[in-house]
Amino acid sequence: MKIHLFFLILLFCVTILPGRSTSTKYRIERCQKVRGICKPFCDDDEYDYGYCIRWRNQCCI
């Protein structure tokens, strides 16, 4: 039973965790591709395209 738990944790670390680290770079490139600006809040005349580096920074177009 312990070996099953070990493989489950290993599988989680190999598949889930590395995918989260590369998404940050992709978010910045996606915002730059649409010529957006990363800032905490979008103005009234701007559109929120998605999140930048952190969940507090939005890509405003």
N, C-alpha and C. Protein backbone atom coordinates (compact mmCIF):
# COMPACT_ATOMS: atom_id res chain seq x y z
N MET A 1 0.82 -1.19 0.00
CA MET A 1 0.00 0.00 0.00
C MET A 1 0.86 1.26 0.00
N LYS A 2 1.99 1.21 0.70
CA LYS A 2 2.88 2.37 0.74
C LYS A 2 3.50 2.63 -0.62
N ILE A 3 3.78 1.58 -1.36
CA ILE A 3 4.37 1.76 -2.69
C ILE A 3 3.38 2.42 -3.65
N HIS A 4 2.10 2.11 -3.49
CA HIS A 4 1.08 2.76 -4.32
C HIS A 4 1.00 4.25 -4.02
N LEU A 5 1.08 4.60 -2.76
CA LEU A 5 1.06 6.00 -2.36
C LEU A 5 2.30 6.72 -2.90
N PHE A 6 3.44 6.06 -2.84
CA PHE A 6 4.67 6.65 -3.37
C PHE A 6 4.55 6.93 -4.87
N PHE A 7 4.04 5.97 -5.63
CA PHE A 7 3.89 6.17 -7.07
C PHE A 7 2.84 7.22 -7.40
N LEU A 8 1.81 7.31 -6.60
CA LEU A 8 0.79 8.34 -6.81
C LEU A 8 1.36 9.73 -6.59
N ILE A 9 2.15 9.90 -5.54
CA ILE A 9 2.79 11.19 -5.29
C ILE A 9 3.81 11.50 -6.36
N LEU A 10 4.56 10.53 -6.79
CA LEU A 10 5.54 10.72 -7.85
C LEU A 10 4.86 11.12 -9.16
N LEU A 11 3.79 10.47 -9.48
CA LEU A 11 3.04 10.80 -10.69
C LEU A 11 2.49 12.22 -10.62
N PHE A 12 2.00 12.63 -9.47
CA PHE A 12 1.50 13.98 -9.28
C PHE A 12 2.62 15.00 -9.49
N CYS A 13 3.78 14.76 -8.91
CA CYS A 13 4.90 15.70 -9.02
C CYS A 13 5.42 15.80 -10.45
N VAL A 14 5.42 14.71 -11.17
CA VAL A 14 5.96 14.70 -12.52
C VAL A 14 5.00 15.35 -13.51
N THR A 15 3.70 15.17 -13.33
CA THR A 15 2.74 15.66 -14.33
C THR A 15 2.16 17.02 -14.01
N ILE A 16 1.78 17.28 -12.80
CA ILE A 16 1.05 18.50 -12.46
C ILE A 16 1.98 19.68 -12.20
N LEU A 17 2.97 19.51 -11.37
CA LEU A 17 3.79 20.64 -10.93
C LEU A 17 4.62 21.29 -12.04
N PRO A 18 5.27 20.57 -12.94
CA PRO A 18 6.03 21.26 -13.99
C PRO A 18 5.15 22.05 -14.95
N GLY A 19 3.93 21.67 -15.15
CA GLY A 19 3.04 22.40 -16.04
C GLY A 19 2.67 23.77 -15.53
N ARG A 20 2.67 23.94 -14.24
CA ARG A 20 2.31 25.22 -13.66
C ARG A 20 3.43 26.24 -13.81
N SER A 21 4.68 25.81 -13.83
CA SER A 21 5.78 26.76 -13.92
C SER A 21 5.93 27.35 -15.31
N THR A 22 5.56 26.63 -16.35
CA THR A 22 5.69 27.15 -17.71
C THR A 22 4.53 28.03 -18.11
N SER A 23 3.41 27.96 -17.42
CA SER A 23 2.25 28.75 -17.82
C SER A 23 2.46 30.23 -17.56
N THR A 24 3.32 30.59 -16.60
CA THR A 24 3.58 32.00 -16.30
C THR A 24 4.22 32.68 -17.50
N LYS A 25 5.20 32.05 -18.11
CA LYS A 25 5.85 32.63 -19.27
C LYS A 25 4.87 32.73 -20.44
N TYR A 26 4.03 31.74 -20.59
CA TYR A 26 3.06 31.76 -21.67
C TYR A 26 2.06 32.89 -21.51
N ARG A 27 1.67 33.18 -20.29
CA ARG A 27 0.71 34.26 -20.05
C ARG A 27 1.28 35.61 -20.42
N ILE A 28 2.56 35.83 -20.12
CA ILE A 28 3.19 37.10 -20.47
C ILE A 28 3.29 37.23 -21.98
N GLU A 29 3.70 36.16 -22.66
CA GLU A 29 3.81 36.20 -24.12
C GLU A 29 2.44 36.39 -24.77
N ARG A 30 1.41 35.78 -24.21
CA ARG A 30 0.06 35.93 -24.76
C ARG A 30 -0.40 37.38 -24.63
N CYS A 31 -0.08 38.02 -23.51
CA CYS A 31 -0.47 39.41 -23.32
C CYS A 31 0.31 40.33 -24.26
N GLN A 32 1.59 40.06 -24.46
CA GLN A 32 2.39 40.88 -25.37
C GLN A 32 1.97 40.68 -26.82
N LYS A 33 1.49 39.49 -27.15
CA LYS A 33 1.08 39.22 -28.52
C LYS A 33 -0.13 40.05 -28.93
N VAL A 34 -1.03 40.29 -27.99
CA VAL A 34 -2.22 41.10 -28.29
C VAL A 34 -2.00 42.56 -27.94
N ARG A 35 -0.76 42.92 -27.64
CA ARG A 35 -0.35 44.28 -27.30
C ARG A 35 -1.09 44.81 -26.07
N GLY A 36 -1.15 43.96 -25.06
CA GLY A 36 -1.79 44.35 -23.81
C GLY A 36 -0.78 44.85 -22.80
N ILE A 37 -1.29 45.38 -21.71
CA ILE A 37 -0.46 45.89 -20.63
C ILE A 37 -0.87 45.18 -19.35
N CYS A 38 0.11 44.68 -18.59
CA CYS A 38 -0.16 44.01 -17.32
C CYS A 38 -0.23 45.05 -16.22
N LYS A 39 -1.37 45.13 -15.55
CA LYS A 39 -1.52 46.04 -14.42
C LYS A 39 -2.59 45.52 -13.47
N PRO A 40 -2.63 46.02 -12.24
CA PRO A 40 -3.57 45.46 -11.26
C PRO A 40 -5.04 45.58 -11.64
N PHE A 41 -5.46 46.70 -12.17
CA PHE A 41 -6.86 46.90 -12.54
C PHE A 41 -6.95 47.54 -13.91
N CYS A 42 -7.92 47.09 -14.70
CA CYS A 42 -8.15 47.69 -16.01
C CYS A 42 -9.04 48.92 -15.86
N ASP A 43 -8.83 49.89 -16.74
CA ASP A 43 -9.67 51.08 -16.74
C ASP A 43 -11.04 50.74 -17.31
N ASP A 44 -11.93 51.71 -17.29
CA ASP A 44 -13.29 51.48 -17.78
C ASP A 44 -13.34 51.25 -19.29
N ASP A 45 -12.41 51.86 -20.02
CA ASP A 45 -12.42 51.72 -21.48
C ASP A 45 -11.52 50.59 -21.98
N GLU A 46 -11.00 49.76 -21.07
CA GLU A 46 -10.12 48.65 -21.44
C GLU A 46 -10.83 47.32 -21.21
N TYR A 47 -10.36 46.31 -21.92
CA TYR A 47 -10.92 44.97 -21.82
C TYR A 47 -9.94 44.07 -21.08
N ASP A 48 -10.45 43.29 -20.13
CA ASP A 48 -9.63 42.34 -19.38
C ASP A 48 -9.46 41.07 -20.20
N TYR A 49 -8.24 40.83 -20.70
CA TYR A 49 -7.98 39.69 -21.57
C TYR A 49 -7.61 38.44 -20.80
N GLY A 50 -7.16 38.58 -19.57
CA GLY A 50 -6.77 37.42 -18.76
C GLY A 50 -5.74 37.84 -17.74
N TYR A 51 -5.20 36.85 -17.04
CA TYR A 51 -4.24 37.15 -15.99
C TYR A 51 -2.82 37.12 -16.51
N CYS A 52 -1.99 37.98 -15.92
CA CYS A 52 -0.56 37.97 -16.21
C CYS A 52 0.15 37.12 -15.16
N ILE A 53 1.29 37.54 -14.71
CA ILE A 53 2.14 36.73 -13.84
C ILE A 53 1.38 36.24 -12.61
N ARG A 54 0.76 37.11 -11.91
CA ARG A 54 0.03 36.74 -10.70
C ARG A 54 -1.46 36.93 -10.94
N TRP A 55 -2.24 36.41 -10.05
CA TRP A 55 -3.68 36.52 -10.20
C TRP A 55 -4.16 37.94 -10.01
N ARG A 56 -3.35 38.81 -9.44
CA ARG A 56 -3.75 40.20 -9.23
C ARG A 56 -3.50 41.07 -10.45
N ASN A 57 -2.56 40.68 -11.30
CA ASN A 57 -2.25 41.47 -12.48
C ASN A 57 -3.06 40.97 -13.66
N GLN A 58 -3.74 41.88 -14.33
CA GLN A 58 -4.58 41.55 -15.46
C GLN A 58 -3.96 42.08 -16.73
N CYS A 59 -4.21 41.39 -17.82
CA CYS A 59 -3.76 41.85 -19.13
C CYS A 59 -4.86 42.72 -19.70
N CYS A 60 -4.61 44.01 -19.79
CA CYS A 60 -5.61 44.97 -20.24
C CYS A 60 -5.32 45.38 -21.68
N ILE A 61 -6.37 45.33 -22.49
CA ILE A 61 -6.24 45.72 -23.89
C ILE A 61 -7.02 47.01 -24.11
